[in-house]
Amino acid sequence: MVPLGFASANALPETEGARGQLDFSARFSLTKQIKFTFDAINITNTGTFRYLKYPVLVNYVARAGRAFNMGVAVNF
């Protein structure tokens, strides 16, 4: 059994692969009192990829998914 991390000289370090994420954000003021917001997070649905020392030794793969948020703010 080979230990993970950097605990000993023969341990396999865990490395997280490079990752790009595309986000979008928009704000629109209809009047001074009414504002709209829109956010799109992780549009490309990029995941997280971790491996042990070499990319062929996959240790962890996850996808957080896309998220969309809309909002309205009204000031009285």
PDB file of N, CA and C in Angstrom:
ATOM      1  N   MET A   1       0.840  -1.178   0.000  1.00  0.00           N
ATOM      2  CA  MET A   1       0.000   0.000   0.000  1.00  0.00           C
ATOM      3  C   MET A   1       0.887   1.245   0.000  1.00  0.00           C
ATOM      4  N   VAL A   2       0.560   2.204  -0.843  1.00  0.00           N
ATOM      5  CA  VAL A   2       1.332   3.448  -0.945  1.00  0.00           C
ATOM      6  C   VAL A   2       0.528   4.563  -0.301  1.00  0.00           C
ATOM      7  N   PRO A   3       1.099   5.295   0.661  1.00  0.00           N
ATOM      8  CA  PRO A   3       0.368   6.393   1.298  1.00  0.00           C
ATOM      9  C   PRO A   3       0.173   7.565   0.349  1.00  0.00           C
ATOM     10  N   LEU A   4      -0.893   8.342   0.572  1.00  0.00           N
ATOM     11  CA  LEU A   4      -1.173   9.528  -0.225  1.00  0.00           C
ATOM     12  C   LEU A   4      -0.519  10.753   0.403  1.00  0.00           C
ATOM     13  N   GLY A   5      -0.355  11.786  -0.402  1.00  0.00           N
ATOM     14  CA  GLY A   5       0.168  13.051   0.102  1.00  0.00           C
ATOM     15  C   GLY A   5       1.684  13.060   0.176  1.00  0.00           C
ATOM     16  N   PHE A   6       2.230  13.828   1.086  1.00  0.00           N
ATOM     17  CA  PHE A   6       3.673  14.016   1.184  1.00  0.00           C
ATOM     18  C   PHE A   6       4.215  13.496   2.525  1.00  0.00           C
ATOM     19  N   ALA A   7       3.583  12.493   3.092  1.00  0.00           N
ATOM     20  CA  ALA A   7       3.963  11.985   4.407  1.00  0.00           C
ATOM     21  C   ALA A   7       5.315  11.279   4.406  1.00  0.00           C
ATOM     22  N   SER A   8       5.690  10.693   3.281  1.00  0.00           N
ATOM     23  CA  SER A   8       6.966   9.991   3.211  1.00  0.00           C
ATOM     24  C   SER A   8       7.565  10.150   1.816  1.00  0.00           C
ATOM     25  N   ALA A   9       8.805   9.734   1.655  1.00  0.00           N
ATOM     26  CA  ALA A   9       9.506   9.903   0.382  1.00  0.00           C
ATOM     27  C   ALA A   9       8.875   9.110  -0.752  1.00  0.00           C
ATOM     28  N   ASN A  10       8.225   7.976  -0.448  1.00  0.00           N
ATOM     29  CA  ASN A  10       7.623   7.165  -1.506  1.00  0.00           C
ATOM     30  C   ASN A  10       6.110   7.392  -1.642  1.00  0.00           C
ATOM     31  N   ALA A  11       5.588   8.450  -1.067  1.00  0.00           N
ATOM     32  CA  ALA A  11       4.167   8.756  -1.139  1.00  0.00           C
ATOM     33  C   ALA A  11       3.815   9.311  -2.526  1.00  0.00           C
ATOM     34  N   LEU A  12       2.569   9.108  -2.939  1.00  0.00           N
ATOM     35  CA  LEU A  12       2.090   9.655  -4.204  1.00  0.00           C
ATOM     36  C   LEU A  12       1.373  10.974  -3.944  1.00  0.00           C
ATOM     37  N   PRO A  13       1.883  12.091  -4.453  1.00  0.00           N
ATOM     38  CA  PRO A  13       1.221  13.371  -4.228  1.00  0.00           C
ATOM     39  C   PRO A  13      -0.066  13.476  -5.048  1.00  0.00           C
ATOM     40  N   GLU A  14      -1.071  14.097  -4.477  1.00  0.00           N
ATOM     41  CA  GLU A  14      -2.323  14.331  -5.192  1.00  0.00           C
ATOM     42  C   GLU A  14      -2.237  15.693  -5.866  1.00  0.00           C
ATOM     43  N   THR A  15      -2.545  15.738  -7.166  1.00  0.00           N
ATOM     44  CA  THR A  15      -2.471  16.968  -7.953  1.00  0.00           C
ATOM     45  C   THR A  15      -3.830  17.229  -8.585  1.00  0.00           C
ATOM     46  N   GLU A  16      -4.258  18.500  -8.573  1.00  0.00           N
ATOM     47  CA  GLU A  16      -5.514  18.857  -9.234  1.00  0.00           C
ATOM     48  C   GLU A  16      -5.190  19.414 -10.609  1.00  0.00           C
ATOM     49  N   GLY A  17      -5.849  18.878 -11.625  1.00  0.00           N
ATOM     50  CA  GLY A  17      -5.617  19.304 -12.999  1.00  0.00           C
ATOM     51  C   GLY A  17      -6.106  20.729 -13.239  1.00  0.00           C
ATOM     52  N   ALA A  18      -5.518  21.359 -14.256  1.00  0.00           N
ATOM     53  CA  ALA A  18      -5.922  22.718 -14.627  1.00  0.00           C
ATOM     54  C   ALA A  18      -7.385  22.733 -15.032  1.00  0.00           C
ATOM     55  N   ARG A  19      -8.037  23.844 -14.756  1.00  0.00           N
ATOM     56  CA  ARG A  19      -9.475  23.922 -15.002  1.00  0.00           C
ATOM     57  C   ARG A  19      -9.840  25.340 -15.384  1.00  0.00           C
ATOM     58  N   GLY A  20     -10.656  25.497 -16.384  1.00  0.00           N
ATOM     59  CA  GLY A  20     -11.173  26.804 -16.771  1.00  0.00           C
ATOM     60  C   GLY A  20     -12.678  26.816 -16.601  1.00  0.00           C
ATOM     61  N   GLN A  21     -13.204  27.937 -16.214  1.00  0.00           N
ATOM     62  CA  GLN A  21     -14.647  28.048 -15.987  1.00  0.00           C
ATOM     63  C   GLN A  21     -15.121  29.344 -16.607  1.00  0.00           C
ATOM     64  N   LEU A  22     -16.214  29.290 -17.354  1.00  0.00           N
ATOM     65  CA  LEU A  22     -16.776  30.483 -17.981  1.00  0.00           C
ATOM     66  C   LEU A  22     -18.019  30.916 -17.211  1.00  0.00           C
ATOM     67  N   ASP A  23     -18.007  32.159 -16.740  1.00  0.00           N
ATOM     68  CA  ASP A  23     -19.140  32.739 -16.023  1.00  0.00           C
ATOM     69  C   ASP A  23     -19.643  33.960 -16.784  1.00  0.00           C
ATOM     70  N   PHE A  24     -20.889  34.354 -16.518  1.00  0.00           N
ATOM     71  CA  PHE A  24     -21.472  35.541 -17.135  1.00  0.00           C
ATOM     72  C   PHE A  24     -22.310  36.254 -16.087  1.00  0.00           C
ATOM     73  N   SER A  25     -22.254  37.586 -16.116  1.00  0.00           N
ATOM     74  CA  SER A  25     -23.025  38.376 -15.163  1.00  0.00           C
ATOM     75  C   SER A  25     -23.551  39.617 -15.870  1.00  0.00           C
ATOM     76  N   ALA A  26     -24.821  39.952 -15.624  1.00  0.00           N
ATOM     77  CA  ALA A  26     -25.419  41.145 -16.225  1.00  0.00           C
ATOM     78  C   ALA A  26     -26.268  41.882 -15.191  1.00  0.00           C
ATOM     79  N   ARG A  27     -26.227  43.198 -15.264  1.00  0.00           N
ATOM     80  CA  ARG A  27     -27.033  44.058 -14.385  1.00  0.00           C
ATOM     81  C   ARG A  27     -27.744  45.083 -15.262  1.00  0.00           C
ATOM     82  N   PHE A  28     -29.014  45.341 -14.964  1.00  0.00           N
ATOM     83  CA  PHE A  28     -29.784  46.306 -15.752  1.00  0.00           C
ATOM     84  C   PHE A  28     -30.654  47.125 -14.812  1.00  0.00           C
ATOM     85  N   SER A  29     -30.542  48.428 -14.939  1.00  0.00           N
ATOM     86  CA  SER A  29     -31.371  49.338 -14.133  1.00  0.00           C
ATOM     87  C   SER A  29     -32.505  49.851 -14.999  1.00  0.00           C
ATOM     88  N   LEU A  30     -33.726  49.455 -14.662  1.00  0.00           N
ATOM     89  CA  LEU A  30     -34.893  49.933 -15.383  1.00  0.00           C
ATOM     90  C   LEU A  30     -35.174  51.378 -14.996  1.00  0.00           C
ATOM     91  N   THR A  31     -35.138  51.645 -13.696  1.00  0.00           N
ATOM     92  CA  THR A  31     -35.245  53.004 -13.147  1.00  0.00           C
ATOM     93  C   THR A  31     -34.258  53.080 -11.987  1.00  0.00           C
ATOM     94  N   LYS A  32     -34.224  54.196 -11.291  1.00  0.00           N
ATOM     95  CA  LYS A  32     -33.358  54.299 -10.113  1.00  0.00           C
ATOM     96  C   LYS A  32     -33.836  53.374  -8.995  1.00  0.00           C
ATOM     97  N   GLN A  33     -35.101  53.010  -9.011  1.00  0.00           N
ATOM     98  CA  GLN A  33     -35.659  52.167  -7.957  1.00  0.00           C
ATOM     99  C   GLN A  33     -35.717  50.672  -8.315  1.00  0.00           C
ATOM    100  N   ILE A  34     -35.678  50.327  -9.607  1.00  0.00           N
ATOM    101  CA  ILE A  34     -35.845  48.930 -10.018  1.00  0.00           C
ATOM    102  C   ILE A  34     -34.607  48.463 -10.791  1.00  0.00           C
ATOM    103  N   LYS A  35     -33.991  47.385 -10.278  1.00  0.00           N
ATOM    104  CA  LYS A  35     -32.787  46.825 -10.915  1.00  0.00           C
ATOM    105  C   LYS A  35     -32.951  45.319 -11.087  1.00  0.00           C
ATOM    106  N   PHE A  36     -32.474  44.795 -12.219  1.00  0.00           N
ATOM    107  CA  PHE A  36     -32.516  43.373 -12.529  1.00  0.00           C
ATOM    108  C   PHE A  36     -31.094  42.824 -12.576  1.00  0.00           C
ATOM    109  N   THR A  37     -30.935  41.571 -12.137  1.00  0.00           N
ATOM    110  CA  THR A  37     -29.621  40.921 -12.187  1.00  0.00           C
ATOM    111  C   THR A  37     -29.762  39.533 -12.793  1.00  0.00           C
ATOM    112  N   PHE A  38     -28.698  39.097 -13.460  1.00  0.00           N
ATOM    113  CA  PHE A  38     -28.649  37.747 -14.015  1.00  0.00           C
ATOM    114  C   PHE A  38     -27.211  37.243 -13.917  1.00  0.00           C
ATOM    115  N   ASP A  39     -27.036  36.023 -13.413  1.00  0.00           N
ATOM    116  CA  ASP A  39     -25.719  35.399 -13.314  1.00  0.00           C
ATOM    117  C   ASP A  39     -25.804  33.978 -13.864  1.00  0.00           C
ATOM    118  N   ALA A  40     -24.831  33.620 -14.698  1.00  0.00           N
ATOM    119  CA  ALA A  40     -24.687  32.249 -15.187  1.00  0.00           C
ATOM    120  C   ALA A  40     -23.299  31.783 -14.748  1.00  0.00           C
ATOM    121  N   ILE A  41     -23.244  30.717 -13.964  1.00  0.00           N
ATOM    122  CA  ILE A  41     -21.993  30.239 -13.370  1.00  0.00           C
ATOM    123  C   ILE A  41     -21.640  28.880 -13.964  1.00  0.00           C
ATOM    124  N   ASN A  42     -20.382  28.722 -14.358  1.00  0.00           N
ATOM    125  CA  ASN A  42     -19.855  27.493 -14.947  1.00  0.00           C
ATOM    126  C   ASN A  42     -20.656  27.088 -16.185  1.00  0.00           C
ATOM    127  N   ILE A  43     -20.796  28.007 -17.138  1.00  0.00           N
ATOM    128  CA  ILE A  43     -21.566  27.781 -18.363  1.00  0.00           C
ATOM    129  C   ILE A  43     -21.046  26.563 -19.120  1.00  0.00           C
ATOM    130  N   THR A  44     -19.744  26.359 -19.126  1.00  0.00           N
ATOM    131  CA  THR A  44     -19.138  25.245 -19.864  1.00  0.00           C
ATOM    132  C   THR A  44     -19.216  23.914 -19.113  1.00  0.00           C
ATOM    133  N   ASN A  45     -19.775  23.919 -17.912  1.00  0.00           N
ATOM    134  CA  ASN A  45     -19.949  22.715 -17.082  1.00  0.00           C
ATOM    135  C   ASN A  45     -18.614  21.989 -16.846  1.00  0.00           C
ATOM    136  N   THR A  46     -17.584  22.757 -16.555  1.00  0.00           N
ATOM    137  CA  THR A  46     -16.255  22.212 -16.311  1.00  0.00           C
ATOM    138  C   THR A  46     -16.207  21.496 -14.970  1.00  0.00           C
ATOM    139  N   GLY A  47     -15.521  20.383 -14.939  1.00  0.00           N
ATOM    140  CA  GLY A  47     -15.412  19.598 -13.712  1.00  0.00           C
ATOM    141  C   GLY A  47     -14.048  19.717 -13.055  1.00  0.00           C
ATOM    142  N   THR A  48     -13.913  19.062 -11.914  1.00  0.00           N
ATOM    143  CA  THR A  48     -12.656  19.000 -11.168  1.00  0.00           C
ATOM    144  C   THR A  48     -12.060  17.613 -11.374  1.00  0.00           C
ATOM    145  N   PHE A  49     -10.756  17.571 -11.623  1.00  0.00           N
ATOM    146  CA  PHE A  49     -10.062  16.321 -11.921  1.00  0.00           C
ATOM    147  C   PHE A  49      -8.797  16.265 -11.072  1.00  0.00           C
ATOM    148  N   ARG A  50      -8.678  15.263 -10.217  1.00  0.00           N
ATOM    149  CA  ARG A  50      -7.483  15.086  -9.382  1.00  0.00           C
ATOM    150  C   ARG A  50      -6.845  13.742  -9.680  1.00  0.00           C
ATOM    151  N   TYR A  51      -5.532  13.716  -9.624  1.00  0.00           N
ATOM    152  CA  TYR A  51      -4.810  12.474  -9.893  1.00  0.00           C
ATOM    153  C   TYR A  51      -3.630  12.325  -8.951  1.00  0.00           C
ATOM    154  N   LEU A  52      -3.117  11.098  -8.871  1.00  0.00           N
ATOM    155  CA  LEU A  52      -1.986  10.777  -8.001  1.00  0.00           C
ATOM    156  C   LEU A  52      -0.708  10.722  -8.829  1.00  0.00           C
ATOM    157  N   LYS A  53       0.108  11.714  -8.724  1.00  0.00           N
ATOM    158  CA  LYS A  53       1.409  11.845  -9.381  1.00  0.00           C
ATOM    159  C   LYS A  53       1.341  11.890 -10.900  1.00  0.00           C
ATOM    160  N   TYR A  54       0.630  10.962 -11.544  1.00  0.00           N
ATOM    161  CA  TYR A  54       0.511  10.911 -12.996  1.00  0.00           C
ATOM    162  C   TYR A  54      -0.961  11.015 -13.401  1.00  0.00           C
ATOM    163  N   PRO A  55      -1.276  11.724 -14.497  1.00  0.00           N
ATOM    164  CA  PRO A  55      -2.683  11.886 -14.903  1.00  0.00           C
ATOM    165  C   PRO A  55      -3.435  10.579 -15.153  1.00  0.00           C
ATOM    166  N   VAL A  56      -2.745   9.492 -15.425  1.00  0.00           N
ATOM    167  CA  VAL A  56      -3.449   8.211 -15.636  1.00  0.00           C
ATOM    168  C   VAL A  56      -3.927   7.592 -14.327  1.00  0.00           C
ATOM    169  N   LEU A  57      -3.425   8.081 -13.190  1.00  0.00           N
ATOM    170  CA  LEU A  57      -3.842   7.573 -11.873  1.00  0.00           C
ATOM    171  C   LEU A  57      -4.938   8.486 -11.300  1.00  0.00           C
ATOM    172  N   VAL A  58      -6.101   8.423 -11.913  1.00  0.00           N
ATOM    173  CA  VAL A  58      -7.224   9.293 -11.520  1.00  0.00           C
ATOM    174  C   VAL A  58      -7.676   8.939 -10.108  1.00  0.00           C
ATOM    175  N   ASN A  59      -7.821   9.979  -9.281  1.00  0.00           N
ATOM    176  CA  ASN A  59      -8.221   9.792  -7.892  1.00  0.00           C
ATOM    177  C   ASN A  59      -9.608  10.376  -7.602  1.00  0.00           C
ATOM    178  N   TYR A  60     -10.010  11.412  -8.364  1.00  0.00           N
ATOM    179  CA  TYR A  60     -11.250  12.127  -8.039  1.00  0.00           C
ATOM    180  C   TYR A  60     -11.737  12.881  -9.275  1.00  0.00           C
ATOM    181  N   VAL A  61     -13.008  12.744  -9.603  1.00  0.00           N
ATOM    182  CA  VAL A  61     -13.628  13.493 -10.696  1.00  0.00           C
ATOM    183  C   VAL A  61     -14.975  13.992 -10.196  1.00  0.00           C
ATOM    184  N   ALA A  62     -15.248  15.274 -10.407  1.00  0.00           N
ATOM    185  CA  ALA A  62     -16.533  15.836  -9.956  1.00  0.00           C
ATOM    186  C   ALA A  62     -16.999  16.926 -10.907  1.00  0.00           C
ATOM    187  N   ARG A  63     -18.293  17.038 -11.050  1.00  0.00           N
ATOM    188  CA  ARG A  63     -18.897  18.123 -11.825  1.00  0.00           C
ATOM    189  C   ARG A  63     -19.891  18.845 -10.924  1.00  0.00           C
ATOM    190  N   ALA A  64     -19.673  20.127 -10.770  1.00  0.00           N
ATOM    191  CA  ALA A  64     -20.576  20.927  -9.940  1.00  0.00           C
ATOM    192  C   ALA A  64     -21.829  21.323 -10.712  1.00  0.00           C
ATOM    193  N   GLY A  65     -21.756  21.287 -12.050  1.00  0.00           N
ATOM    194  CA  GLY A  65     -22.897  21.658 -12.876  1.00  0.00           C
ATOM    195  C   GLY A  65     -22.981  23.156 -13.106  1.00  0.00           C
ATOM    196  N   ARG A  66     -23.954  23.526 -13.867  1.00  0.00           N
ATOM    197  CA  ARG A  66     -24.199  24.944 -14.163  1.00  0.00           C
ATOM    198  C   ARG A  66     -25.181  25.510 -13.143  1.00  0.00           C
ATOM    199  N   ALA A  67     -25.099  26.830 -12.939  1.00  0.00           N
ATOM    200  CA  ALA A  67     -26.052  27.495 -12.042  1.00  0.00           C
ATOM    201  C   ALA A  67     -26.475  28.817 -12.672  1.00  0.00           C
ATOM    202  N   PHE A  68     -27.763  29.127 -12.589  1.00  0.00           N
ATOM    203  CA  PHE A  68     -28.299  30.361 -13.115  1.00  0.00           C
ATOM    204  C   PHE A  68     -29.081  31.060 -12.010  1.00  0.00           C
ATOM    205  N   ASN A  69     -28.811  32.334 -11.820  1.00  0.00           N
ATOM    206  CA  ASN A  69     -29.491  33.119 -10.795  1.00  0.00           C
ATOM    207  C   ASN A  69     -30.059  34.391 -11.419  1.00  0.00           C
ATOM    208  N   MET A  70     -31.300  34.708 -11.048  1.00  0.00           N
ATOM    209  CA  MET A  70     -31.936  35.946 -11.502  1.00  0.00           C
ATOM    210  C   MET A  70     -32.456  36.679 -10.275  1.00  0.00           C
ATOM    211  N   GLY A  71     -32.450  37.982 -10.364  1.00  0.00           N
ATOM    212  CA  GLY A  71     -32.955  38.746  -9.236  1.00  0.00           C
ATOM    213  C   GLY A  71     -33.537  40.099  -9.628  1.00  0.00           C
ATOM    214  N   VAL A  72     -34.371  40.603  -8.761  1.00  0.00           N
ATOM    215  CA  VAL A  72     -34.959  41.944  -8.929  1.00  0.00           C
ATOM    216  C   VAL A  72     -34.795  42.664  -7.598  1.00  0.00           C
ATOM    217  N   ALA A  73     -34.302  43.887  -7.668  1.00  0.00           N
ATOM    218  CA  ALA A  73     -34.181  44.714  -6.467  1.00  0.00           C
ATOM    219  C   ALA A  73     -35.044  45.964  -6.644  1.00  0.00           C
ATOM    220  N   VAL A  74     -35.847  46.235  -5.616  1.00  0.00           N
ATOM    221  CA  VAL A  74     -36.722  47.403  -5.645  1.00  0.00           C
ATOM    222  C   VAL A  74     -36.425  48.244  -4.421  1.00  0.00           C
ATOM    223  N   ASN A  75     -36.099  49.511  -4.645  1.00  0.00           N
ATOM    224  CA  ASN A  75     -35.857  50.457  -3.531  1.00  0.00           C
ATOM    225  C   ASN A  75     -37.069  51.368  -3.385  1.00  0.00           C
ATOM    226  N   PHE A  76     -37.522  51.523  -2.137  1.00  0.00           N
ATOM    227  CA  PHE A  76     -38.684  52.393  -1.859  1.00  0.00           C
ATOM    228  C   PHE A  76     -38.222  53.714  -1.322  1.00  0.00           C
TER     229      PHE A  76
END
